[in-house]
Every structure is written in structure tokens, then in C-alpha cells.
């Protein structure tokens, strides 16, 4: 025989909110645009002039998009290094947030 704990409607609502937060927190995107246009012009950066990283912790995937003009271009090495550093910091922050959310879920159960 298994024992089931009765959960109040308020606790159920909090648990549901935590589960939504956990699922939405597990995916991140970091994009660094390189805008070579004149700064006086108001023009959106081309999607091809960028470093783009998308991470899904739930799927266990990391996708990087880097414009071919930027790969191995010494002028953009420092910016690429900065982009990867931002990705790592964001990923670390998300993992910490997920751990906190999981602790909160366990306390409620």
C-alpha cells in the first residue's frame, strides 16, 4: 500500500508554477551582434553578423552559429572569447537557479 500526501490547492499552484519556471529556465540564448554599419544610421544588425548560442539543458544540446566572416578573423577573436564567457556565466547561473527551484519543490512536497 502506498501513502499519498494530500496537497492543498495553494501548494499545488506553487508546485505548478515551479514546474513551469523550471521548464522555461532550462533553455537560454545568447547573441552577440556585430554591427558594421554607420552608427548614425538606425538599422537593425544583420542576423549573419553575429555569434549565437542556444543551450537546452533539458535536451542536453548546445548549438552555436557563427558567421563565416567572423570565424578565425583576428579582429573578432576577443569578441568571440567574450561571447563564450557570457554563455558560460549564463549557463552557470541557470544551473544554480534550477537547483534552488528543485530545493523549493522538495520542501513543498
N, C-alpha and C. Protein backbone atom coordinates (compact mmCIF):
# COMPACT_ATOMS: atom_id res chain seq x y z
N UNK A 1 0.84 -1.17 0.00
CA UNK A 1 0.00 0.00 0.00
C UNK A 1 0.89 1.24 0.00
N UNK A 2 0.56 2.19 -0.83
CA UNK A 2 1.34 3.43 -0.89
C UNK A 2 0.58 4.55 -0.21
N UNK A 3 1.32 5.39 0.43
CA UNK A 3 0.73 6.56 1.08
C UNK A 3 0.83 7.75 0.14
N UNK A 4 -0.25 8.45 0.00
CA UNK A 4 -0.24 9.65 -0.80
C UNK A 4 -0.48 10.83 0.10
N UNK A 5 0.34 11.83 -0.08
CA UNK A 5 0.16 13.06 0.67
C UNK A 5 -0.87 13.93 0.00
N UNK A 6 -1.70 14.49 0.80
CA UNK A 6 -2.69 15.41 0.26
C UNK A 6 -2.06 16.79 0.15
N UNK A 7 -2.16 17.37 -1.02
CA UNK A 7 -1.57 18.68 -1.27
C UNK A 7 -2.68 19.71 -1.38
N UNK A 8 -2.53 20.79 -0.66
CA UNK A 8 -3.54 21.85 -0.69
C UNK A 8 -3.55 22.51 -2.07
N UNK A 9 -4.65 23.14 -2.43
CA UNK A 9 -4.72 23.84 -3.72
C UNK A 9 -3.64 24.93 -3.85
N UNK A 10 -3.32 25.61 -2.74
CA UNK A 10 -2.28 26.63 -2.78
C UNK A 10 -0.92 26.00 -3.07
N UNK A 11 -0.63 24.88 -2.40
CA UNK A 11 0.64 24.19 -2.63
C UNK A 11 0.71 23.65 -4.06
N UNK A 12 -0.41 23.13 -4.56
CA UNK A 12 -0.47 22.63 -5.94
C UNK A 12 -0.16 23.77 -6.91
N UNK A 13 -0.72 24.96 -6.67
CA UNK A 13 -0.47 26.11 -7.54
C UNK A 13 1.00 26.51 -7.52
N UNK A 14 1.60 26.47 -6.33
CA UNK A 14 3.02 26.81 -6.21
C UNK A 14 3.87 25.77 -6.92
N UNK A 15 3.55 24.49 -6.75
CA UNK A 15 4.29 23.43 -7.44
C UNK A 15 4.18 23.56 -8.96
N UNK A 16 2.97 23.86 -9.42
CA UNK A 16 2.78 24.05 -10.86
C UNK A 16 3.61 25.22 -11.38
N UNK A 17 3.64 26.32 -10.61
CA UNK A 17 4.44 27.48 -11.00
C UNK A 17 5.93 27.14 -11.02
N UNK A 18 6.37 26.36 -10.04
CA UNK A 18 7.78 25.93 -10.00
C UNK A 18 8.13 25.07 -11.21
N UNK A 19 7.24 24.17 -11.58
CA UNK A 19 7.49 23.31 -12.73
C UNK A 19 7.58 24.12 -14.02
N UNK A 20 6.71 25.11 -14.16
CA UNK A 20 6.77 25.99 -15.34
C UNK A 20 8.07 26.77 -15.35
N UNK A 21 8.45 27.30 -14.19
CA UNK A 21 9.70 28.05 -14.08
C UNK A 21 10.89 27.17 -14.42
N UNK A 22 10.89 25.94 -13.95
CA UNK A 22 12.00 25.03 -14.23
C UNK A 22 12.08 24.71 -15.73
N UNK A 23 10.95 24.48 -16.36
CA UNK A 23 10.97 24.14 -17.78
C UNK A 23 11.39 25.33 -18.64
N UNK A 24 10.98 26.53 -18.26
CA UNK A 24 11.34 27.72 -19.03
C UNK A 24 12.77 28.17 -18.76
N UNK A 25 13.29 27.88 -17.58
CA UNK A 25 14.62 28.30 -17.21
C UNK A 25 15.68 27.43 -17.87
N UNK A 26 15.32 26.27 -18.30
CA UNK A 26 16.29 25.30 -18.79
C UNK A 26 16.77 25.57 -20.21
N UNK A 27 16.34 26.66 -20.82
CA UNK A 27 16.78 26.98 -22.17
C UNK A 27 17.22 28.43 -22.24
N UNK A 28 18.39 28.64 -22.85
CA UNK A 28 18.91 30.01 -22.95
C UNK A 28 19.41 30.28 -24.36
N UNK A 29 19.43 31.55 -24.70
CA UNK A 29 20.02 32.01 -25.95
C UNK A 29 20.90 33.21 -25.62
N UNK A 30 22.10 33.21 -26.19
CA UNK A 30 23.00 34.35 -26.05
C UNK A 30 23.40 34.74 -27.46
N UNK A 31 23.17 36.00 -27.81
CA UNK A 31 23.51 36.50 -29.14
C UNK A 31 24.35 37.76 -29.01
N UNK A 32 25.46 37.77 -29.73
CA UNK A 32 26.32 38.95 -29.79
C UNK A 32 26.34 39.41 -31.24
N UNK A 33 25.77 40.59 -31.50
CA UNK A 33 25.72 41.13 -32.84
C UNK A 33 26.94 42.00 -33.12
N UNK A 34 27.42 41.92 -34.34
CA UNK A 34 28.49 42.80 -34.80
C UNK A 34 27.86 43.69 -35.84
N UNK A 35 27.81 44.97 -35.55
CA UNK A 35 27.17 45.92 -36.45
C UNK A 35 28.25 46.77 -37.09
N UNK A 36 28.45 46.57 -38.38
CA UNK A 36 29.49 47.32 -39.08
C UNK A 36 28.93 48.52 -39.80
N UNK A 37 27.64 48.80 -39.64
CA UNK A 37 27.04 49.96 -40.31
C UNK A 37 27.43 51.24 -39.58
N UNK A 38 27.19 52.33 -40.22
CA UNK A 38 27.47 53.63 -39.65
C UNK A 38 26.61 53.81 -38.39
N UNK A 39 27.22 54.24 -37.31
CA UNK A 39 26.49 54.38 -36.05
C UNK A 39 25.39 55.42 -36.11
N UNK A 40 25.45 56.35 -37.05
CA UNK A 40 24.41 57.37 -37.17
C UNK A 40 23.14 56.82 -37.81
N UNK A 41 23.27 55.69 -38.49
CA UNK A 41 22.11 55.09 -39.15
C UNK A 41 21.40 54.17 -38.17
N UNK A 42 20.10 54.27 -38.13
CA UNK A 42 19.32 53.36 -37.29
C UNK A 42 18.93 52.19 -38.17
N UNK A 43 19.66 51.13 -38.00
CA UNK A 43 19.47 49.95 -38.84
C UNK A 43 19.70 48.71 -37.99
N UNK A 44 18.84 47.75 -38.13
CA UNK A 44 18.99 46.52 -37.34
C UNK A 44 20.17 45.73 -37.88
N UNK A 45 20.93 45.12 -36.96
CA UNK A 45 22.07 44.31 -37.35
C UNK A 45 21.63 43.12 -38.17
N UNK A 46 22.44 42.77 -39.12
CA UNK A 46 22.18 41.59 -39.93
C UNK A 46 22.32 40.35 -39.06
N UNK A 47 21.42 39.39 -39.24
CA UNK A 47 21.48 38.18 -38.42
C UNK A 47 22.72 37.35 -38.75
N UNK A 48 23.39 37.66 -39.86
CA UNK A 48 24.58 36.89 -40.20
C UNK A 48 25.83 37.45 -39.55
N UNK A 49 25.79 38.66 -39.03
CA UNK A 49 26.94 39.26 -38.37
C UNK A 49 26.81 39.06 -36.86
N UNK A 50 26.90 37.80 -36.44
CA UNK A 50 26.68 37.54 -35.02
C UNK A 50 27.32 36.24 -34.58
N UNK A 51 27.47 36.15 -33.26
CA UNK A 51 27.77 34.91 -32.57
C UNK A 51 26.47 34.56 -31.86
N UNK A 52 25.97 33.38 -32.05
CA UNK A 52 24.69 32.99 -31.44
C UNK A 52 24.85 31.60 -30.83
N UNK A 53 24.42 31.48 -29.58
CA UNK A 53 24.47 30.20 -28.88
C UNK A 53 23.12 29.93 -28.25
N UNK A 54 22.62 28.72 -28.45
CA UNK A 54 21.37 28.29 -27.83
C UNK A 54 21.66 27.01 -27.08
N UNK A 55 21.27 26.99 -25.80
CA UNK A 55 21.51 25.84 -24.94
C UNK A 55 20.18 25.35 -24.38
N UNK A 56 19.95 24.05 -24.49
CA UNK A 56 18.79 23.42 -23.87
C UNK A 56 19.31 22.42 -22.86
N UNK A 57 19.16 22.73 -21.58
CA UNK A 57 19.61 21.82 -20.54
C UNK A 57 18.76 20.56 -20.49
N UNK A 58 17.48 20.68 -20.82
CA UNK A 58 16.58 19.52 -20.80
C UNK A 58 16.94 18.54 -21.92
N UNK A 59 17.22 19.06 -23.11
CA UNK A 59 17.59 18.21 -24.24
C UNK A 59 19.06 17.84 -24.23
N UNK A 60 19.86 18.62 -23.50
CA UNK A 60 21.29 18.38 -23.46
C UNK A 60 22.00 18.81 -24.74
N UNK A 61 21.49 19.88 -25.35
CA UNK A 61 22.07 20.34 -26.61
C UNK A 61 22.65 21.75 -26.48
N UNK A 62 23.70 21.98 -27.25
CA UNK A 62 24.31 23.31 -27.38
C UNK A 62 24.52 23.55 -28.86
N UNK A 63 23.91 24.61 -29.37
CA UNK A 63 24.05 24.97 -30.79
C UNK A 63 24.73 26.32 -30.89
N UNK A 64 25.79 26.38 -31.69
CA UNK A 64 26.50 27.63 -31.95
C UNK A 64 26.32 28.01 -33.41
N UNK A 65 26.05 29.28 -33.65
CA UNK A 65 26.03 29.81 -35.01
C UNK A 65 27.04 30.95 -35.04
N UNK A 66 27.97 30.86 -35.96
CA UNK A 66 28.97 31.92 -36.11
C UNK A 66 29.06 32.22 -37.60
N UNK A 67 28.95 33.49 -37.93
CA UNK A 67 29.06 33.91 -39.32
C UNK A 67 30.43 33.52 -39.86
N UNK A 68 30.47 33.00 -41.08
CA UNK A 68 31.74 32.57 -41.68
C UNK A 68 32.78 33.69 -41.74
N UNK A 69 32.31 34.93 -41.90
CA UNK A 69 33.25 36.07 -41.95
C UNK A 69 33.93 36.30 -40.61
N UNK A 70 33.33 35.79 -39.54
CA UNK A 70 33.86 36.04 -38.20
C UNK A 70 34.77 34.93 -37.70
N UNK A 71 34.65 33.74 -38.29
CA UNK A 71 35.47 32.61 -37.85
C UNK A 71 36.93 32.87 -38.24
N UNK A 72 37.80 32.67 -37.28
CA UNK A 72 39.24 32.83 -37.48
C UNK A 72 39.64 34.23 -37.94
N UNK A 73 38.78 35.20 -37.75
CA UNK A 73 39.13 36.58 -38.06
C UNK A 73 39.74 37.19 -36.81
N UNK A 74 41.04 37.54 -36.85
CA UNK A 74 41.70 38.04 -35.65
C UNK A 74 41.04 39.28 -35.05
N UNK A 75 40.35 40.05 -35.87
CA UNK A 75 39.69 41.26 -35.36
C UNK A 75 38.54 40.93 -34.40
N UNK A 76 38.01 39.72 -34.49
CA UNK A 76 36.85 39.36 -33.68
C UNK A 76 37.15 38.29 -32.64
N UNK A 77 38.40 37.91 -32.48
CA UNK A 77 38.75 36.86 -31.51
C UNK A 77 38.36 37.24 -30.09
N UNK A 78 38.67 38.46 -29.70
CA UNK A 78 38.35 38.89 -28.33
C UNK A 78 36.84 38.93 -28.11
N UNK A 79 36.10 39.37 -29.11
CA UNK A 79 34.64 39.41 -29.00
C UNK A 79 34.07 37.99 -28.94
N UNK A 80 34.64 37.08 -29.69
CA UNK A 80 34.19 35.68 -29.64
C UNK A 80 34.48 35.09 -28.26
N UNK A 81 35.65 35.38 -27.72
CA UNK A 81 36.01 34.90 -26.38
C UNK A 81 35.04 35.48 -25.34
N UNK A 82 34.69 36.75 -25.48
CA UNK A 82 33.74 37.39 -24.56
C UNK A 82 32.36 36.74 -24.67
N UNK A 83 31.93 36.44 -25.89
CA UNK A 83 30.64 35.80 -26.10
C UNK A 83 30.59 34.44 -25.37
N UNK A 84 31.63 33.62 -25.55
CA UNK A 84 31.68 32.31 -24.91
C UNK A 84 31.70 32.47 -23.38
N UNK A 85 32.38 33.48 -22.88
CA UNK A 85 32.40 33.74 -21.43
C UNK A 85 31.00 34.07 -20.93
N UNK A 86 30.25 34.87 -21.70
CA UNK A 86 28.88 35.21 -21.33
C UNK A 86 27.99 33.96 -21.33
N UNK A 87 28.20 33.08 -22.30
CA UNK A 87 27.44 31.83 -22.36
C UNK A 87 27.70 31.00 -21.10
N UNK A 88 28.98 30.86 -20.72
CA UNK A 88 29.32 30.07 -19.53
C UNK A 88 28.72 30.68 -18.26
N UNK A 89 28.79 32.00 -18.13
CA UNK A 89 28.22 32.65 -16.94
C UNK A 89 26.72 32.45 -16.89
N UNK A 90 26.05 32.58 -18.01
CA UNK A 90 24.60 32.40 -18.05
C UNK A 90 24.23 30.96 -17.74
N UNK A 91 24.98 30.02 -18.30
CA UNK A 91 24.72 28.61 -18.04
C UNK A 91 24.90 28.28 -16.56
N UNK A 92 25.96 28.78 -15.96
CA UNK A 92 26.19 28.55 -14.53
C UNK A 92 25.05 29.12 -13.69
N UNK A 93 24.60 30.30 -14.05
CA UNK A 93 23.50 30.94 -13.33
C UNK A 93 22.22 30.13 -13.44
N UNK A 94 21.95 29.62 -14.61
CA UNK A 94 20.74 28.81 -14.81
C UNK A 94 20.79 27.53 -13.98
N UNK A 95 21.94 26.88 -13.97
CA UNK A 95 22.08 25.65 -13.18
C UNK A 95 21.82 25.94 -11.71
N UNK A 96 22.39 27.04 -11.21
CA UNK A 96 22.15 27.43 -9.80
C UNK A 96 20.68 27.70 -9.55
N UNK A 97 20.02 28.39 -10.47
CA UNK A 97 18.59 28.68 -10.32
C UNK A 97 17.76 27.40 -10.32
N UNK A 98 18.10 26.46 -11.20
CA UNK A 98 17.37 25.20 -11.23
C UNK A 98 17.54 24.41 -9.94
N UNK A 99 18.74 24.44 -9.38
CA UNK A 99 18.99 23.76 -8.09
C UNK A 99 18.12 24.37 -7.00
N UNK A 100 18.03 25.70 -6.97
CA UNK A 100 17.19 26.37 -5.98
C UNK A 100 15.71 26.02 -6.17
N UNK A 101 15.26 26.02 -7.43
CA UNK A 101 13.86 25.67 -7.69
C UNK A 101 13.57 24.23 -7.28
N UNK A 102 14.50 23.33 -7.53
CA UNK A 102 14.31 21.93 -7.12
C UNK A 102 14.25 21.81 -5.61
N UNK A 103 15.09 22.55 -4.89
CA UNK A 103 15.04 22.53 -3.42
C UNK A 103 13.69 23.03 -2.92
N UNK A 104 13.18 24.09 -3.55
CA UNK A 104 11.87 24.62 -3.16
C UNK A 104 10.79 23.58 -3.42
N UNK A 105 10.87 22.87 -4.54
CA UNK A 105 9.87 21.85 -4.86
C UNK A 105 9.90 20.73 -3.83
N UNK A 106 11.10 20.32 -3.41
CA UNK A 106 11.21 19.24 -2.43
C UNK A 106 10.66 19.68 -1.07
N UNK A 107 10.88 20.93 -0.71
CA UNK A 107 10.36 21.43 0.57
C UNK A 107 8.84 21.39 0.57
N UNK A 108 8.24 21.77 -0.56
CA UNK A 108 6.78 21.76 -0.65
C UNK A 108 6.20 20.36 -0.63
N UNK A 109 6.96 19.42 -1.15
CA UNK A 109 6.44 18.03 -1.15
C UNK A 109 6.69 17.38 0.19
